[in-house]
Amino acid sequence: MSIARKNREACIGCQRCVERCPMDVFYYDPLENKSVILYPENCQSCGQCYLACPADTLMIVDTSFEYAPVPIRGLRTFKEARPEKKR
């Protein structure tokens, strides 16, 4: 089980999920005034973020996902991280 977002546009930017999450799954994006599920693989399904969200934008899903790396983690793409060798 993991946390997922129903509708990111409905997020009001209160940061309650960021404050309540014991596993640092969330990141607050000040430019968009929204929280981002940055590390969903760390979610322990405790439900603290879900219960704290006043806008009801989060849900706990019953499936496991293979998450692609989020660009903000390394601030670069996979190609930039591992440049091809010149021959």
C-alpha atoms as a PDB file:
ATOM      1  CA  MET A   1       0.000   0.000   0.000  1.00  0.00           C
ATOM      2  CA  SER A   2       1.105   3.516  -0.703  1.00  0.00           C
ATOM      3  CA  ILE A   3      -0.087   7.098  -0.772  1.00  0.00           C
ATOM      4  CA  ALA A   4      -1.288   8.662  -4.019  1.00  0.00           C
ATOM      5  CA  ARG A   5      -2.768  11.994  -5.068  1.00  0.00           C
ATOM      6  CA  LYS A   6      -6.390  12.206  -6.214  1.00  0.00           C
ATOM      7  CA  ASN A   7      -6.036  15.668  -7.694  1.00  0.00           C
ATOM      8  CA  ARG A   8      -2.861  17.738  -7.363  1.00  0.00           C
ATOM      9  CA  GLU A   9      -4.613  20.914  -8.470  1.00  0.00           C
ATOM     10  CA  ALA A  10      -6.910  20.697  -5.429  1.00  0.00           C
ATOM     11  CA  CYS A  11      -3.932  20.851  -3.028  1.00  0.00           C
ATOM     12  CA  ILE A  12      -4.186  24.081  -1.008  1.00  0.00           C
ATOM     13  CA  GLY A  13      -0.521  24.141   0.055  1.00  0.00           C
ATOM     14  CA  CYS A  14      -1.150  23.896   3.798  1.00  0.00           C
ATOM     15  CA  GLN A  15       1.894  21.589   4.245  1.00  0.00           C
ATOM     16  CA  ARG A  16       0.127  19.402   6.807  1.00  0.00           C
ATOM     17  CA  CYS A  17       1.119  16.259   4.920  1.00  0.00           C
ATOM     18  CA  VAL A  18       4.749  17.416   4.880  1.00  0.00           C
ATOM     19  CA  GLU A  19       4.687  18.076   8.622  1.00  0.00           C
ATOM     20  CA  ARG A  20       2.865  14.867   9.599  1.00  0.00           C
ATOM     21  CA  CYS A  21       4.708  12.329   7.451  1.00  0.00           C
ATOM     22  CA  PRO A  22       7.276  10.444   9.580  1.00  0.00           C
ATOM     23  CA  MET A  23       9.036   9.065   6.491  1.00  0.00           C
ATOM     24  CA  ASP A  24       9.633  12.312   4.515  1.00  0.00           C
ATOM     25  CA  VAL A  25       7.541  11.127   1.573  1.00  0.00           C
ATOM     26  CA  PHE A  26       6.407  14.677   0.775  1.00  0.00           C
ATOM     27  CA  TYR A  27       8.186  17.785  -0.454  1.00  0.00           C
ATOM     28  CA  TYR A  28       6.681  21.270  -0.456  1.00  0.00           C
ATOM     29  CA  ASP A  29       7.124  23.142  -3.732  1.00  0.00           C
ATOM     30  CA  PRO A  30       7.039  26.866  -2.857  1.00  0.00           C
ATOM     31  CA  LEU A  31       6.845  27.924  -6.512  1.00  0.00           C
ATOM     32  CA  GLU A  32       3.554  26.108  -7.052  1.00  0.00           C
ATOM     33  CA  ASN A  33       2.391  26.292  -3.413  1.00  0.00           C
ATOM     34  CA  LYS A  34       1.655  22.551  -3.448  1.00  0.00           C
ATOM     35  CA  SER A  35       3.044  19.442  -1.825  1.00  0.00           C
ATOM     36  CA  VAL A  36       4.643  16.804  -4.001  1.00  0.00           C
ATOM     37  CA  ILE A  37       4.792  13.076  -3.294  1.00  0.00           C
ATOM     38  CA  LEU A  38       8.533  12.855  -3.806  1.00  0.00           C
ATOM     39  CA  TYR A  39       9.440   9.493  -2.246  1.00  0.00           C
ATOM     40  CA  PRO A  40       6.330   7.270  -2.496  1.00  0.00           C
ATOM     41  CA  GLU A  41       8.465   4.165  -2.074  1.00  0.00           C
ATOM     42  CA  ASN A  42       9.170   5.274   1.521  1.00  0.00           C
ATOM     43  CA  CYS A  43       5.456   5.345   2.412  1.00  0.00           C
ATOM     44  CA  GLN A  44       4.591   3.074   5.341  1.00  0.00           C
ATOM     45  CA  SER A  45       0.823   3.533   4.858  1.00  0.00           C
ATOM     46  CA  CYS A  46       0.367   5.003   8.331  1.00  0.00           C
ATOM     47  CA  GLY A  47      -2.339   7.346   7.013  1.00  0.00           C
ATOM     48  CA  GLN A  48      -1.164  10.428   8.923  1.00  0.00           C
ATOM     49  CA  CYS A  49      -0.981  12.561   5.773  1.00  0.00           C
ATOM     50  CA  TYR A  50      -4.348  11.266   4.567  1.00  0.00           C
ATOM     51  CA  LEU A  51      -6.032  12.154   7.873  1.00  0.00           C
ATOM     52  CA  ALA A  52      -4.351  15.574   8.049  1.00  0.00           C
ATOM     53  CA  CYS A  53      -5.255  16.732   4.521  1.00  0.00           C
ATOM     54  CA  PRO A  54      -8.117  19.270   4.790  1.00  0.00           C
ATOM     55  CA  ALA A  55      -8.609  19.384   1.004  1.00  0.00           C
ATOM     56  CA  ASP A  56      -9.018  15.581   0.739  1.00  0.00           C
ATOM     57  CA  THR A  57      -6.507  15.308  -2.122  1.00  0.00           C
ATOM     58  CA  LEU A  58      -4.749  12.149  -0.915  1.00  0.00           C
ATOM     59  CA  MET A  59      -5.715   8.502  -1.022  1.00  0.00           C
ATOM     60  CA  ILE A  60      -4.135   5.277   0.118  1.00  0.00           C
ATOM     61  CA  VAL A  61      -3.982   2.819  -2.748  1.00  0.00           C
ATOM     62  CA  ASP A  62      -3.940  -0.924  -2.367  1.00  0.00           C
ATOM     63  CA  THR A  63      -1.406  -1.605  -5.097  1.00  0.00           C
ATOM     64  CA  SER A  64       2.348  -1.337  -5.255  1.00  0.00           C
ATOM     65  CA  PHE A  65       3.953   0.680  -8.017  1.00  0.00           C
ATOM     66  CA  GLU A  66       7.302   0.841  -9.703  1.00  0.00           C
ATOM     67  CA  TYR A  67       8.094   4.541  -9.501  1.00  0.00           C
ATOM     68  CA  ALA A  68      10.295   6.216 -12.054  1.00  0.00           C
ATOM     69  CA  PRO A  69      12.990   8.495 -10.638  1.00  0.00           C
ATOM     70  CA  VAL A  70      11.635  11.973 -10.045  1.00  0.00           C
ATOM     71  CA  PRO A  71      13.751  14.637 -11.834  1.00  0.00           C
ATOM     72  CA  ILE A  72      13.916  16.892  -8.764  1.00  0.00           C
ATOM     73  CA  ARG A  73      15.808  14.215  -6.803  1.00  0.00           C
ATOM     74  CA  GLY A  74      19.032  14.574  -8.722  1.00  0.00           C
ATOM     75  CA  LEU A  75      18.103  17.664 -10.703  1.00  0.00           C
ATOM     76  CA  ARG A  76      19.349  15.975 -13.833  1.00  0.00           C
ATOM     77  CA  THR A  77      18.283  13.268 -16.217  1.00  0.00           C
ATOM     78  CA  PHE A  78      19.627   9.743 -16.391  1.00  0.00           C
ATOM     79  CA  LYS A  79      21.663  10.564 -19.524  1.00  0.00           C
ATOM     80  CA  GLU A  80      23.341  13.489 -17.783  1.00  0.00           C
ATOM     81  CA  ALA A  81      24.118  11.330 -14.758  1.00  0.00           C
ATOM     82  CA  ARG A  82      25.733   8.651 -16.903  1.00  0.00           C
ATOM     83  CA  PRO A  83      27.211  10.244 -19.994  1.00  0.00           C
ATOM     84  CA  GLU A  84      28.039   7.948 -22.861  1.00  0.00           C
ATOM     85  CA  LYS A  85      31.699   7.204 -23.407  1.00  0.00           C
ATOM     86  CA  LYS A  86      33.250   8.676 -26.519  1.00  0.00           C
ATOM     87  CA  ARG A  87      34.881   6.191 -28.808  1.00  0.00           C
END
